[in-house]
N, C-alpha and C. Protein backbone atom coordinates (compact mmCIF):
# COMPACT_ATOMS: atom_id res chain seq x y z
N MET A 1 4.20 8.20 96.71
CA MET A 1 4.61 9.25 95.79
C MET A 1 4.85 8.64 94.43
N SER A 2 4.21 9.20 93.43
CA SER A 2 4.34 8.67 92.06
C SER A 2 5.42 9.40 91.33
N THR A 3 6.14 8.61 90.55
CA THR A 3 7.22 9.20 89.75
C THR A 3 6.87 9.06 88.28
N TYR A 4 6.89 10.14 87.57
CA TYR A 4 6.56 10.12 86.14
C TYR A 4 7.83 10.32 85.35
N ALA A 5 8.03 9.41 84.34
CA ALA A 5 9.20 9.56 83.47
C ALA A 5 8.85 10.56 82.39
N SER A 6 9.67 11.50 82.24
CA SER A 6 9.43 12.54 81.23
C SER A 6 10.10 12.14 79.92
N LEU A 7 9.28 11.97 78.87
CA LEU A 7 9.80 11.60 77.55
C LEU A 7 9.96 12.85 76.72
N SER A 8 11.17 13.19 76.46
CA SER A 8 11.44 14.39 75.67
C SER A 8 11.29 14.09 74.19
N PRO A 9 10.58 14.92 73.45
CA PRO A 9 10.45 14.70 72.00
C PRO A 9 11.80 14.83 71.32
N LEU A 10 11.92 14.09 70.17
CA LEU A 10 13.16 14.18 69.41
C LEU A 10 13.33 15.60 68.90
N PRO A 11 14.54 16.04 68.83
CA PRO A 11 14.77 17.36 68.23
C PRO A 11 14.19 17.39 66.82
N THR A 12 13.78 18.55 66.38
CA THR A 12 13.09 18.69 65.09
C THR A 12 13.93 18.16 63.94
N LYS A 13 15.21 18.51 63.88
CA LYS A 13 16.07 18.08 62.77
C LYS A 13 16.21 16.56 62.75
N LYS A 14 16.37 15.96 63.95
CA LYS A 14 16.54 14.51 64.02
C LYS A 14 15.27 13.80 63.61
N ARG A 15 14.11 14.38 64.05
CA ARG A 15 12.83 13.78 63.71
C ARG A 15 12.61 13.79 62.19
N ARG A 16 12.98 14.89 61.55
CA ARG A 16 12.84 14.97 60.10
C ARG A 16 13.72 13.95 59.40
N ARG A 17 14.93 13.74 59.95
CA ARG A 17 15.85 12.78 59.35
C ARG A 17 15.28 11.36 59.43
N VAL A 18 14.70 11.03 60.58
CA VAL A 18 14.12 9.70 60.77
C VAL A 18 12.96 9.48 59.81
N VAL A 19 12.11 10.49 59.68
CA VAL A 19 10.96 10.39 58.77
C VAL A 19 11.45 10.24 57.33
N GLY A 20 12.48 11.00 56.97
CA GLY A 20 13.02 10.92 55.61
C GLY A 20 13.57 9.54 55.30
N ILE A 21 14.30 8.95 56.27
CA ILE A 21 14.85 7.61 56.08
C ILE A 21 13.73 6.60 55.91
N ALA A 22 12.67 6.75 56.68
CA ALA A 22 11.54 5.82 56.59
C ALA A 22 10.88 5.89 55.22
N ILE A 23 10.72 7.11 54.71
CA ILE A 23 10.09 7.28 53.39
C ILE A 23 10.94 6.65 52.30
N VAL A 24 12.25 6.88 52.37
CA VAL A 24 13.15 6.29 51.38
C VAL A 24 13.08 4.77 51.42
N ALA A 25 13.03 4.21 52.64
CA ALA A 25 12.97 2.76 52.79
C ALA A 25 11.70 2.20 52.16
N VAL A 26 10.58 2.91 52.37
CA VAL A 26 9.31 2.47 51.79
C VAL A 26 9.37 2.51 50.26
N LEU A 27 9.93 3.60 49.72
CA LEU A 27 10.03 3.73 48.26
C LEU A 27 10.92 2.66 47.66
N LEU A 28 12.05 2.38 48.30
CA LEU A 28 12.95 1.34 47.80
C LEU A 28 12.28 -0.02 47.82
N GLY A 29 11.50 -0.27 48.87
CA GLY A 29 10.80 -1.55 48.95
C GLY A 29 9.77 -1.69 47.84
N ALA A 30 9.04 -0.59 47.56
CA ALA A 30 8.04 -0.62 46.49
C ALA A 30 8.70 -0.82 45.14
N MET A 31 9.85 -0.16 44.93
CA MET A 31 10.56 -0.32 43.67
C MET A 31 11.05 -1.75 43.49
N ALA A 32 11.50 -2.36 44.56
CA ALA A 32 11.99 -3.74 44.48
C ALA A 32 10.86 -4.69 44.11
N LEU A 33 9.67 -4.45 44.68
CA LEU A 33 8.53 -5.31 44.37
C LEU A 33 8.09 -5.15 42.93
N ASP A 34 8.27 -3.94 42.39
CA ASP A 34 7.79 -3.64 41.03
C ASP A 34 8.85 -3.92 39.97
N THR A 35 10.04 -4.30 40.38
CA THR A 35 11.13 -4.52 39.43
C THR A 35 11.03 -5.90 38.80
N LYS A 36 11.14 -5.93 37.46
CA LYS A 36 11.10 -7.18 36.72
C LYS A 36 12.51 -7.50 36.23
N ILE A 37 12.96 -8.69 36.52
CA ILE A 37 14.28 -9.11 36.07
C ILE A 37 14.18 -9.58 34.63
N VAL A 38 14.97 -8.97 33.74
CA VAL A 38 14.95 -9.30 32.32
C VAL A 38 16.26 -9.98 31.95
N LYS A 39 16.15 -11.18 31.44
CA LYS A 39 17.33 -11.93 31.03
C LYS A 39 17.86 -11.39 29.72
N ILE A 40 19.16 -11.15 29.65
CA ILE A 40 19.78 -10.64 28.44
C ILE A 40 19.58 -11.63 27.30
N GLY A 41 19.12 -11.10 26.16
CA GLY A 41 18.89 -11.95 25.00
C GLY A 41 17.48 -12.51 24.92
N SER A 42 16.68 -12.29 25.98
CA SER A 42 15.31 -12.80 25.97
C SER A 42 14.43 -11.92 25.10
N GLU A 43 13.19 -12.36 24.86
CA GLU A 43 12.25 -11.58 24.05
C GLU A 43 11.97 -10.23 24.71
N ALA A 44 11.82 -10.23 26.04
CA ALA A 44 11.56 -8.99 26.74
C ALA A 44 12.74 -8.03 26.61
N ASP A 45 13.94 -8.58 26.65
CA ASP A 45 15.14 -7.76 26.49
C ASP A 45 15.16 -7.12 25.11
N SER A 46 14.77 -7.87 24.09
CA SER A 46 14.76 -7.35 22.73
C SER A 46 13.76 -6.22 22.58
N ARG A 47 12.58 -6.38 23.23
CA ARG A 47 11.57 -5.33 23.15
C ARG A 47 12.06 -4.05 23.80
N GLN A 48 12.72 -4.19 24.97
CA GLN A 48 13.20 -3.01 25.66
C GLN A 48 14.33 -2.34 24.89
N ALA A 49 15.10 -3.12 24.16
CA ALA A 49 16.21 -2.56 23.39
C ALA A 49 15.71 -1.78 22.19
N GLY A 50 14.46 -1.99 21.77
CA GLY A 50 13.91 -1.28 20.62
C GLY A 50 13.94 -2.13 19.37
N PHE A 51 13.12 -1.75 18.40
CA PHE A 51 12.99 -2.50 17.16
C PHE A 51 14.20 -2.27 16.26
N SER A 52 14.79 -3.36 15.78
CA SER A 52 15.90 -3.27 14.82
C SER A 52 15.40 -3.78 13.48
N ALA A 53 15.19 -2.86 12.54
CA ALA A 53 14.71 -3.25 11.22
C ALA A 53 15.72 -4.16 10.52
N GLU A 54 16.99 -3.86 10.67
CA GLU A 54 18.02 -4.66 10.01
C GLU A 54 18.00 -6.11 10.49
N SER A 55 17.88 -6.30 11.80
CA SER A 55 17.82 -7.66 12.35
C SER A 55 16.54 -8.37 11.90
N PHE A 56 15.46 -7.61 11.86
CA PHE A 56 14.19 -8.19 11.42
C PHE A 56 14.29 -8.67 9.98
N GLY A 57 14.87 -7.84 9.11
CA GLY A 57 15.02 -8.22 7.71
C GLY A 57 15.88 -9.45 7.54
N ALA A 58 16.99 -9.52 8.29
CA ALA A 58 17.89 -10.67 8.20
C ALA A 58 17.21 -11.95 8.66
N GLU A 59 16.33 -11.82 9.63
CA GLU A 59 15.61 -12.99 10.16
C GLU A 59 14.50 -13.44 9.23
N GLN A 60 13.79 -12.48 8.64
CA GLN A 60 12.58 -12.80 7.90
C GLN A 60 12.82 -13.18 6.44
N PHE A 61 13.82 -12.60 5.78
CA PHE A 61 13.95 -12.88 4.35
C PHE A 61 14.12 -14.37 4.03
N PRO A 62 14.96 -15.12 4.75
CA PRO A 62 15.06 -16.56 4.43
C PRO A 62 13.73 -17.29 4.58
N LEU A 63 12.93 -16.89 5.55
CA LEU A 63 11.62 -17.52 5.74
C LEU A 63 10.69 -17.19 4.57
N ILE A 64 10.74 -15.94 4.14
CA ILE A 64 9.91 -15.51 3.01
C ILE A 64 10.35 -16.22 1.74
N ARG A 65 11.66 -16.27 1.51
CA ARG A 65 12.21 -16.95 0.32
C ARG A 65 11.74 -18.40 0.26
N ASP A 66 11.84 -19.11 1.38
CA ASP A 66 11.47 -20.52 1.39
C ASP A 66 9.97 -20.70 1.18
N ASP A 67 9.18 -19.82 1.78
CA ASP A 67 7.73 -19.92 1.63
C ASP A 67 7.31 -19.66 0.19
N VAL A 68 7.85 -18.60 -0.40
CA VAL A 68 7.51 -18.25 -1.79
C VAL A 68 7.96 -19.35 -2.74
N SER A 69 9.16 -19.87 -2.52
CA SER A 69 9.69 -20.92 -3.40
C SER A 69 8.82 -22.17 -3.36
N SER A 70 8.25 -22.46 -2.21
CA SER A 70 7.42 -23.67 -2.08
C SER A 70 6.05 -23.51 -2.73
N ARG A 71 5.61 -22.25 -2.95
CA ARG A 71 4.28 -22.00 -3.50
C ARG A 71 4.29 -21.44 -4.92
N ALA A 72 5.48 -21.16 -5.44
CA ALA A 72 5.56 -20.47 -6.74
C ALA A 72 4.88 -21.26 -7.85
N VAL A 73 4.17 -20.53 -8.70
CA VAL A 73 3.41 -21.12 -9.80
C VAL A 73 4.09 -20.73 -11.12
N ASP A 74 4.21 -21.68 -12.03
CA ASP A 74 4.77 -21.39 -13.34
C ASP A 74 4.02 -20.22 -13.98
N ALA A 75 4.76 -19.30 -14.59
CA ALA A 75 4.17 -18.07 -15.11
C ALA A 75 3.07 -18.33 -16.13
N VAL A 76 3.26 -19.30 -17.01
CA VAL A 76 2.25 -19.60 -18.03
C VAL A 76 0.97 -20.13 -17.37
N THR A 77 1.14 -21.04 -16.42
CA THR A 77 -0.01 -21.57 -15.69
C THR A 77 -0.75 -20.46 -14.95
N LEU A 78 0.02 -19.58 -14.30
CA LEU A 78 -0.59 -18.50 -13.54
C LEU A 78 -1.30 -17.50 -14.45
N ALA A 79 -0.67 -17.19 -15.58
CA ALA A 79 -1.29 -16.24 -16.52
C ALA A 79 -2.61 -16.79 -17.05
N ASN A 80 -2.65 -18.07 -17.36
CA ASN A 80 -3.88 -18.69 -17.85
C ASN A 80 -4.97 -18.66 -16.78
N ALA A 81 -4.57 -18.93 -15.53
CA ALA A 81 -5.54 -18.93 -14.44
C ALA A 81 -6.11 -17.53 -14.21
N ILE A 82 -5.25 -16.52 -14.27
CA ILE A 82 -5.71 -15.14 -14.08
C ILE A 82 -6.62 -14.72 -15.22
N SER A 83 -6.27 -15.11 -16.43
CA SER A 83 -7.08 -14.76 -17.60
C SER A 83 -8.46 -15.40 -17.53
N THR A 84 -8.51 -16.62 -17.02
CA THR A 84 -9.78 -17.35 -16.93
C THR A 84 -10.67 -16.79 -15.84
N ASP A 85 -10.10 -16.58 -14.65
CA ASP A 85 -10.88 -16.08 -13.51
C ASP A 85 -9.91 -15.45 -12.51
N GLN A 86 -9.76 -14.14 -12.60
CA GLN A 86 -8.76 -13.46 -11.77
C GLN A 86 -9.05 -13.62 -10.28
N GLN A 87 -10.31 -13.54 -9.90
CA GLN A 87 -10.66 -13.66 -8.48
C GLN A 87 -10.33 -15.05 -7.96
N ALA A 88 -10.68 -16.07 -8.73
CA ALA A 88 -10.40 -17.44 -8.30
C ALA A 88 -8.89 -17.69 -8.24
N ALA A 89 -8.15 -17.17 -9.21
CA ALA A 89 -6.70 -17.34 -9.21
C ALA A 89 -6.07 -16.64 -8.01
N SER A 90 -6.59 -15.47 -7.68
CA SER A 90 -6.08 -14.72 -6.53
C SER A 90 -6.28 -15.50 -5.24
N GLU A 91 -7.46 -16.09 -5.10
CA GLU A 91 -7.77 -16.84 -3.89
C GLU A 91 -6.97 -18.14 -3.82
N GLN A 92 -6.74 -18.75 -4.97
CA GLN A 92 -6.03 -20.03 -4.98
C GLN A 92 -4.53 -19.87 -4.75
N TYR A 93 -3.94 -18.87 -5.37
CA TYR A 93 -2.48 -18.75 -5.36
C TYR A 93 -1.94 -17.57 -4.53
N GLY A 94 -2.76 -16.54 -4.33
CA GLY A 94 -2.24 -15.30 -3.76
C GLY A 94 -2.43 -15.16 -2.27
N VAL A 95 -1.80 -14.11 -1.75
CA VAL A 95 -1.98 -13.69 -0.35
C VAL A 95 -2.59 -12.30 -0.39
N ALA A 96 -3.76 -12.15 0.20
CA ALA A 96 -4.51 -10.90 0.10
C ALA A 96 -3.81 -9.76 0.84
N THR A 97 -3.87 -8.55 0.23
CA THR A 97 -3.43 -7.32 0.89
C THR A 97 -4.48 -6.26 0.58
N ASP A 98 -4.30 -5.07 1.16
CA ASP A 98 -5.26 -3.99 0.92
C ASP A 98 -5.23 -3.50 -0.52
N ILE A 99 -4.09 -3.63 -1.18
CA ILE A 99 -3.94 -3.12 -2.55
C ILE A 99 -4.29 -4.18 -3.58
N GLY A 100 -3.84 -5.38 -3.37
CA GLY A 100 -4.07 -6.47 -4.30
C GLY A 100 -3.32 -7.69 -3.79
N PRO A 101 -3.68 -8.88 -4.25
CA PRO A 101 -3.02 -10.08 -3.77
C PRO A 101 -1.56 -10.16 -4.23
N VAL A 102 -0.71 -10.70 -3.37
CA VAL A 102 0.68 -10.95 -3.74
C VAL A 102 0.76 -12.36 -4.30
N MET A 103 1.23 -12.47 -5.54
CA MET A 103 1.24 -13.74 -6.25
C MET A 103 2.67 -14.29 -6.36
N PRO A 104 2.87 -15.56 -6.01
CA PRO A 104 4.19 -16.18 -6.17
C PRO A 104 4.31 -16.77 -7.57
N VAL A 105 5.44 -16.54 -8.24
CA VAL A 105 5.57 -16.96 -9.63
C VAL A 105 6.99 -17.44 -9.91
N SER A 106 7.11 -18.34 -10.87
CA SER A 106 8.43 -18.79 -11.33
C SER A 106 8.44 -18.78 -12.85
N PHE A 107 9.60 -18.50 -13.42
CA PHE A 107 9.71 -18.49 -14.88
C PHE A 107 11.17 -18.54 -15.31
N ASN A 108 11.36 -19.03 -16.53
CA ASN A 108 12.64 -18.93 -17.23
C ASN A 108 12.43 -17.96 -18.38
N GLY A 109 13.39 -17.10 -18.63
CA GLY A 109 13.21 -16.13 -19.70
C GLY A 109 14.51 -15.49 -20.12
N VAL A 110 14.38 -14.59 -21.08
CA VAL A 110 15.52 -13.84 -21.60
C VAL A 110 15.33 -12.38 -21.21
N VAL A 111 16.38 -11.79 -20.68
CA VAL A 111 16.31 -10.41 -20.21
C VAL A 111 16.37 -9.46 -21.39
N GLY A 112 15.41 -8.55 -21.43
CA GLY A 112 15.38 -7.54 -22.48
C GLY A 112 15.97 -6.23 -22.01
N GLU A 113 15.42 -5.15 -22.52
CA GLU A 113 15.91 -3.82 -22.15
C GLU A 113 15.54 -3.50 -20.71
N GLY A 114 16.39 -2.66 -20.11
CA GLY A 114 16.15 -2.28 -18.73
C GLY A 114 16.41 -0.81 -18.50
N LYS A 115 15.81 -0.30 -17.43
CA LYS A 115 16.01 1.08 -17.03
C LYS A 115 15.91 1.16 -15.52
N SER A 116 16.92 1.79 -14.90
CA SER A 116 16.96 1.95 -13.44
C SER A 116 16.83 0.61 -12.72
N GLY A 117 17.44 -0.42 -13.30
CA GLY A 117 17.45 -1.73 -12.65
C GLY A 117 16.18 -2.54 -12.83
N ILE A 118 15.25 -2.07 -13.66
CA ILE A 118 14.02 -2.82 -13.93
C ILE A 118 14.07 -3.29 -15.38
N TYR A 119 14.03 -4.62 -15.57
CA TYR A 119 14.21 -5.21 -16.89
C TYR A 119 12.93 -5.87 -17.38
N ASN A 120 12.69 -5.75 -18.68
CA ASN A 120 11.64 -6.53 -19.33
C ASN A 120 12.15 -7.96 -19.52
N ILE A 121 11.27 -8.93 -19.29
CA ILE A 121 11.65 -10.33 -19.42
C ILE A 121 10.76 -10.99 -20.46
N GLU A 122 11.37 -11.65 -21.42
CA GLU A 122 10.62 -12.39 -22.43
C GLU A 122 10.49 -13.84 -21.96
N VAL A 123 9.25 -14.27 -21.77
CA VAL A 123 8.97 -15.62 -21.29
C VAL A 123 8.16 -16.35 -22.35
N GLU A 124 8.67 -17.45 -22.81
CA GLU A 124 7.99 -18.22 -23.86
C GLU A 124 6.66 -18.76 -23.35
N GLY A 125 5.64 -18.65 -24.20
CA GLY A 125 4.33 -19.20 -23.86
C GLY A 125 3.36 -18.19 -23.30
N LEU A 126 3.85 -16.98 -23.00
CA LEU A 126 2.96 -15.94 -22.48
C LEU A 126 2.38 -15.13 -23.63
N PRO A 127 1.17 -14.62 -23.48
CA PRO A 127 0.59 -13.78 -24.54
C PRO A 127 1.38 -12.48 -24.69
N ASP A 128 1.37 -11.93 -25.90
CA ASP A 128 2.11 -10.69 -26.16
C ASP A 128 1.60 -9.52 -25.33
N SER A 129 0.35 -9.61 -24.91
CA SER A 129 -0.25 -8.51 -24.14
C SER A 129 0.24 -8.47 -22.69
N LEU A 130 0.87 -9.55 -22.25
CA LEU A 130 1.34 -9.63 -20.86
C LEU A 130 2.82 -9.29 -20.78
N GLY A 131 3.15 -8.30 -19.98
CA GLY A 131 4.54 -7.92 -19.78
C GLY A 131 5.03 -8.28 -18.39
N ILE A 132 6.19 -8.91 -18.33
CA ILE A 132 6.82 -9.20 -17.04
C ILE A 132 8.05 -8.32 -16.91
N ARG A 133 8.13 -7.60 -15.80
CA ARG A 133 9.30 -6.80 -15.50
C ARG A 133 9.91 -7.31 -14.19
N LEU A 134 11.22 -7.27 -14.13
CA LEU A 134 11.95 -7.76 -12.96
C LEU A 134 12.76 -6.62 -12.37
N GLN A 135 12.57 -6.36 -11.06
CA GLN A 135 13.37 -5.30 -10.45
C GLN A 135 14.58 -5.89 -9.74
N THR A 136 15.74 -5.28 -10.04
CA THR A 136 17.02 -5.81 -9.54
C THR A 136 17.82 -4.76 -8.76
N GLY A 137 17.25 -3.61 -8.51
CA GLY A 137 17.96 -2.58 -7.76
C GLY A 137 18.74 -1.64 -8.66
N PRO A 138 19.42 -0.67 -8.07
CA PRO A 138 19.69 -0.58 -6.63
C PRO A 138 18.47 -0.31 -5.75
N ALA A 139 17.45 0.35 -6.28
CA ALA A 139 16.25 0.58 -5.48
C ALA A 139 15.27 -0.56 -5.70
N ILE A 140 14.83 -1.18 -4.61
CA ILE A 140 13.78 -2.21 -4.68
C ILE A 140 12.52 -1.58 -4.11
N ASN A 141 11.53 -1.41 -4.98
CA ASN A 141 10.32 -0.69 -4.59
C ASN A 141 9.24 -1.64 -4.07
N GLY A 142 8.39 -1.10 -3.21
CA GLY A 142 7.23 -1.84 -2.76
C GLY A 142 7.48 -2.69 -1.53
N THR A 143 6.40 -3.29 -1.06
CA THR A 143 6.45 -4.15 0.13
C THR A 143 5.99 -5.56 -0.20
N ASP A 144 6.19 -5.96 -1.45
CA ASP A 144 5.71 -7.28 -1.89
C ASP A 144 6.33 -8.41 -1.08
N LEU A 145 7.62 -8.30 -0.77
CA LEU A 145 8.27 -9.36 0.01
C LEU A 145 7.71 -9.41 1.42
N ARG A 146 7.55 -8.25 2.03
CA ARG A 146 7.00 -8.21 3.39
C ARG A 146 5.62 -8.84 3.45
N ASP A 147 4.81 -8.58 2.41
CA ASP A 147 3.42 -9.02 2.40
C ASP A 147 3.22 -10.40 1.79
N ALA A 148 4.30 -11.02 1.32
CA ALA A 148 4.18 -12.23 0.50
C ALA A 148 3.63 -13.44 1.24
N THR A 149 3.87 -13.54 2.54
CA THR A 149 3.44 -14.74 3.27
C THR A 149 2.14 -14.53 4.04
N GLY A 150 1.79 -13.28 4.31
CA GLY A 150 0.61 -13.00 5.11
C GLY A 150 0.83 -13.14 6.61
N THR A 151 2.07 -13.41 7.02
CA THR A 151 2.34 -13.62 8.44
C THR A 151 2.87 -12.37 9.14
N ILE A 152 3.28 -11.36 8.37
CA ILE A 152 3.79 -10.12 8.96
C ILE A 152 2.67 -9.08 8.92
N LYS A 153 2.20 -8.71 10.11
CA LYS A 153 1.03 -7.84 10.22
C LYS A 153 1.41 -6.51 10.88
N PHE A 154 0.62 -5.49 10.57
CA PHE A 154 0.85 -4.16 11.14
C PHE A 154 0.82 -4.19 12.67
N GLY A 155 -0.05 -5.02 13.23
CA GLY A 155 -0.20 -5.08 14.68
C GLY A 155 1.03 -5.55 15.42
N GLN A 156 2.00 -6.13 14.72
CA GLN A 156 3.24 -6.58 15.36
C GLN A 156 4.18 -5.42 15.65
N PHE A 157 3.88 -4.23 15.12
CA PHE A 157 4.81 -3.12 15.20
C PHE A 157 4.22 -1.97 16.00
N THR A 158 5.10 -1.10 16.48
CA THR A 158 4.67 0.02 17.31
C THR A 158 3.90 1.05 16.51
N ASN A 159 4.32 1.29 15.27
CA ASN A 159 3.69 2.32 14.46
C ASN A 159 3.93 2.04 12.98
N GLN A 160 3.39 2.92 12.14
CA GLN A 160 3.50 2.76 10.69
C GLN A 160 4.94 2.85 10.21
N ILE A 161 5.73 3.68 10.88
CA ILE A 161 7.13 3.84 10.48
C ILE A 161 7.89 2.52 10.63
N GLU A 162 7.70 1.85 11.76
CA GLU A 162 8.35 0.55 11.96
C GLU A 162 7.89 -0.46 10.91
N TYR A 163 6.61 -0.42 10.60
CA TYR A 163 6.04 -1.35 9.61
C TYR A 163 6.67 -1.13 8.24
N GLN A 164 6.82 0.14 7.86
CA GLN A 164 7.46 0.47 6.59
C GLN A 164 8.94 0.10 6.61
N ASN A 165 9.60 0.38 7.72
CA ASN A 165 11.02 0.06 7.83
C ASN A 165 11.26 -1.45 7.75
N ALA A 166 10.31 -2.22 8.26
CA ALA A 166 10.43 -3.68 8.17
C ALA A 166 10.44 -4.12 6.72
N GLY A 167 9.54 -3.53 5.91
CA GLY A 167 9.50 -3.87 4.49
C GLY A 167 10.78 -3.49 3.77
N SER A 168 11.29 -2.31 4.06
CA SER A 168 12.54 -1.86 3.43
C SER A 168 13.71 -2.75 3.83
N ALA A 169 13.73 -3.16 5.09
CA ALA A 169 14.83 -4.00 5.58
C ALA A 169 14.81 -5.38 4.92
N ILE A 170 13.63 -5.92 4.68
CA ILE A 170 13.53 -7.21 3.99
C ILE A 170 14.03 -7.07 2.55
N ASN A 171 13.65 -5.97 1.89
CA ASN A 171 14.15 -5.72 0.53
C ASN A 171 15.68 -5.62 0.53
N ASN A 172 16.22 -4.92 1.51
CA ASN A 172 17.67 -4.75 1.58
C ASN A 172 18.37 -6.08 1.82
N GLU A 173 17.76 -6.92 2.64
CA GLU A 173 18.36 -8.23 2.92
C GLU A 173 18.32 -9.11 1.67
N MET A 174 17.24 -9.00 0.90
CA MET A 174 17.19 -9.73 -0.37
C MET A 174 18.33 -9.30 -1.28
N LYS A 175 18.54 -8.00 -1.40
CA LYS A 175 19.64 -7.49 -2.23
C LYS A 175 20.98 -8.03 -1.74
N LYS A 176 21.15 -8.05 -0.43
CA LYS A 176 22.40 -8.51 0.16
C LYS A 176 22.65 -9.99 -0.11
N GLN A 177 21.61 -10.80 0.07
CA GLN A 177 21.78 -12.25 -0.07
C GLN A 177 21.69 -12.73 -1.51
N LEU A 178 20.92 -12.03 -2.34
CA LEU A 178 20.63 -12.55 -3.68
C LEU A 178 21.33 -11.79 -4.79
N LEU A 179 21.37 -10.48 -4.70
CA LEU A 179 21.81 -9.67 -5.84
C LEU A 179 23.23 -9.12 -5.71
N ALA A 180 23.81 -9.22 -4.53
CA ALA A 180 25.12 -8.60 -4.30
C ALA A 180 26.20 -9.13 -5.23
N ASP A 181 26.11 -10.41 -5.57
CA ASP A 181 27.16 -11.04 -6.40
C ASP A 181 26.79 -11.10 -7.88
N ILE A 182 25.69 -10.43 -8.26
CA ILE A 182 25.26 -10.42 -9.66
C ILE A 182 25.43 -9.02 -10.23
N ASP A 183 26.02 -8.94 -11.41
CA ASP A 183 26.16 -7.64 -12.07
C ASP A 183 24.82 -7.30 -12.72
N THR A 184 23.99 -6.61 -11.97
CA THR A 184 22.64 -6.32 -12.44
C THR A 184 22.60 -5.19 -13.46
N SER A 185 23.75 -4.60 -13.74
CA SER A 185 23.78 -3.51 -14.72
C SER A 185 23.92 -4.03 -16.15
N SER A 186 24.20 -5.33 -16.30
CA SER A 186 24.43 -5.87 -17.65
C SER A 186 23.73 -7.21 -17.84
N LEU A 187 22.45 -7.23 -17.53
CA LEU A 187 21.68 -8.48 -17.65
C LEU A 187 21.05 -8.66 -19.03
N SER A 188 20.92 -7.60 -19.78
CA SER A 188 20.23 -7.68 -21.07
C SER A 188 20.85 -8.75 -21.96
N GLY A 189 19.97 -9.59 -22.54
CA GLY A 189 20.40 -10.65 -23.44
C GLY A 189 20.70 -11.97 -22.75
N LYS A 190 20.71 -11.98 -21.43
CA LYS A 190 21.04 -13.20 -20.69
C LYS A 190 19.78 -14.00 -20.36
N SER A 191 19.97 -15.31 -20.28
CA SER A 191 18.87 -16.20 -19.88
C SER A 191 18.90 -16.34 -18.36
N ILE A 192 17.73 -16.26 -17.76
CA ILE A 192 17.66 -16.32 -16.30
C ILE A 192 16.52 -17.23 -15.86
N SER A 193 16.64 -17.70 -14.63
CA SER A 193 15.59 -18.46 -13.97
C SER A 193 15.22 -17.71 -12.70
N VAL A 194 13.94 -17.42 -12.53
CA VAL A 194 13.50 -16.53 -11.45
C VAL A 194 12.36 -17.15 -10.66
N ILE A 195 12.41 -16.95 -9.36
CA ILE A 195 11.25 -17.16 -8.49
C ILE A 195 11.04 -15.84 -7.76
N GLY A 196 9.80 -15.38 -7.71
CA GLY A 196 9.56 -14.10 -7.07
C GLY A 196 8.08 -13.87 -6.81
N VAL A 197 7.77 -12.63 -6.50
CA VAL A 197 6.38 -12.26 -6.19
C VAL A 197 6.03 -10.94 -6.88
N PHE A 198 4.74 -10.75 -7.10
CA PHE A 198 4.24 -9.46 -7.61
C PHE A 198 2.85 -9.23 -7.07
N LYS A 199 2.48 -7.96 -6.95
CA LYS A 199 1.12 -7.62 -6.56
C LYS A 199 0.26 -7.58 -7.81
N LEU A 200 -0.82 -8.31 -7.78
CA LEU A 200 -1.71 -8.40 -8.93
C LEU A 200 -2.65 -7.19 -8.92
N ILE A 201 -2.20 -6.14 -9.59
CA ILE A 201 -3.00 -4.92 -9.75
C ILE A 201 -3.46 -4.80 -11.19
N ASN A 202 -2.49 -4.86 -12.11
CA ASN A 202 -2.78 -4.89 -13.54
C ASN A 202 -2.43 -6.29 -14.04
N PRO A 203 -3.41 -7.07 -14.47
CA PRO A 203 -3.13 -8.46 -14.87
C PRO A 203 -2.23 -8.58 -16.09
N ASP A 204 -2.02 -7.48 -16.81
CA ASP A 204 -1.17 -7.51 -18.00
C ASP A 204 0.21 -6.90 -17.75
N ASN A 205 0.51 -6.60 -16.50
CA ASN A 205 1.79 -5.97 -16.18
C ASN A 205 2.25 -6.44 -14.80
N TRP A 206 3.19 -7.36 -14.77
CA TRP A 206 3.68 -7.91 -13.51
C TRP A 206 5.06 -7.32 -13.21
N LEU A 207 5.19 -6.66 -12.07
CA LEU A 207 6.48 -6.18 -11.60
C LEU A 207 6.96 -7.15 -10.52
N VAL A 208 7.92 -7.98 -10.88
CA VAL A 208 8.33 -9.09 -10.01
C VAL A 208 9.53 -8.69 -9.15
N THR A 209 9.42 -8.98 -7.86
CA THR A 209 10.54 -8.85 -6.93
C THR A 209 11.07 -10.26 -6.67
N PRO A 210 12.33 -10.52 -6.96
CA PRO A 210 12.83 -11.90 -6.87
C PRO A 210 13.17 -12.34 -5.45
N VAL A 211 13.03 -13.65 -5.21
CA VAL A 211 13.61 -14.27 -4.03
C VAL A 211 14.70 -15.26 -4.45
N SER A 212 14.69 -15.60 -5.75
CA SER A 212 15.71 -16.47 -6.33
C SER A 212 15.96 -16.00 -7.76
N LEU A 213 17.23 -15.88 -8.13
CA LEU A 213 17.58 -15.46 -9.49
C LEU A 213 18.87 -16.17 -9.88
N GLU A 214 18.80 -16.95 -10.95
CA GLU A 214 19.97 -17.67 -11.43
C GLU A 214 20.22 -17.35 -12.89
N LEU A 215 21.47 -17.08 -13.22
CA LEU A 215 21.86 -16.88 -14.61
C LEU A 215 22.12 -18.24 -15.23
N GLN A 216 21.61 -18.45 -16.43
CA GLN A 216 21.76 -19.75 -17.09
C GLN A 216 22.82 -19.70 -18.18
């Protein structure tokens, strides 16, 4: 006589619970395999935290200042080179951009009249046809500092807004480190020593953004 063991199926509710637990276990295992451990303070952590324009500006301005200072060309020498062959001068001294090359320059001069923080500078040895203007804020216009070294590229950023914000943050950091302790509202008549950059668009009109400014 054969005896058959009767296996009763699990009750429906219990069976559903077991299946549900199994699915959750599988999902948790998959999540664990796909989880990346990010060390606090690492590059990956910084990316996940999002772009900080202020931090970027604080990090980059000293590098830009040092680079520009090491390459700056005396204004008279640069003016003569541009007058002789603008293309050759741009290639020799400048950093190319879509608008025009960013040129590093140094000069000593006397501050003339100013408006909205932009002053005319009289530099001995320059032709009368060449005007140098220096911007001292409160608004610092343009992206000349950002573009001055050629090492900061659009591809480093998520979008155009971040790229623009990076330029503004570098300008703001320059103001903080360089201009904060200078009374830029009363520079007229004073002798100054400047290192800075300008975009070579009009060879007879240089709008210089400083990286170094000393009152003499």
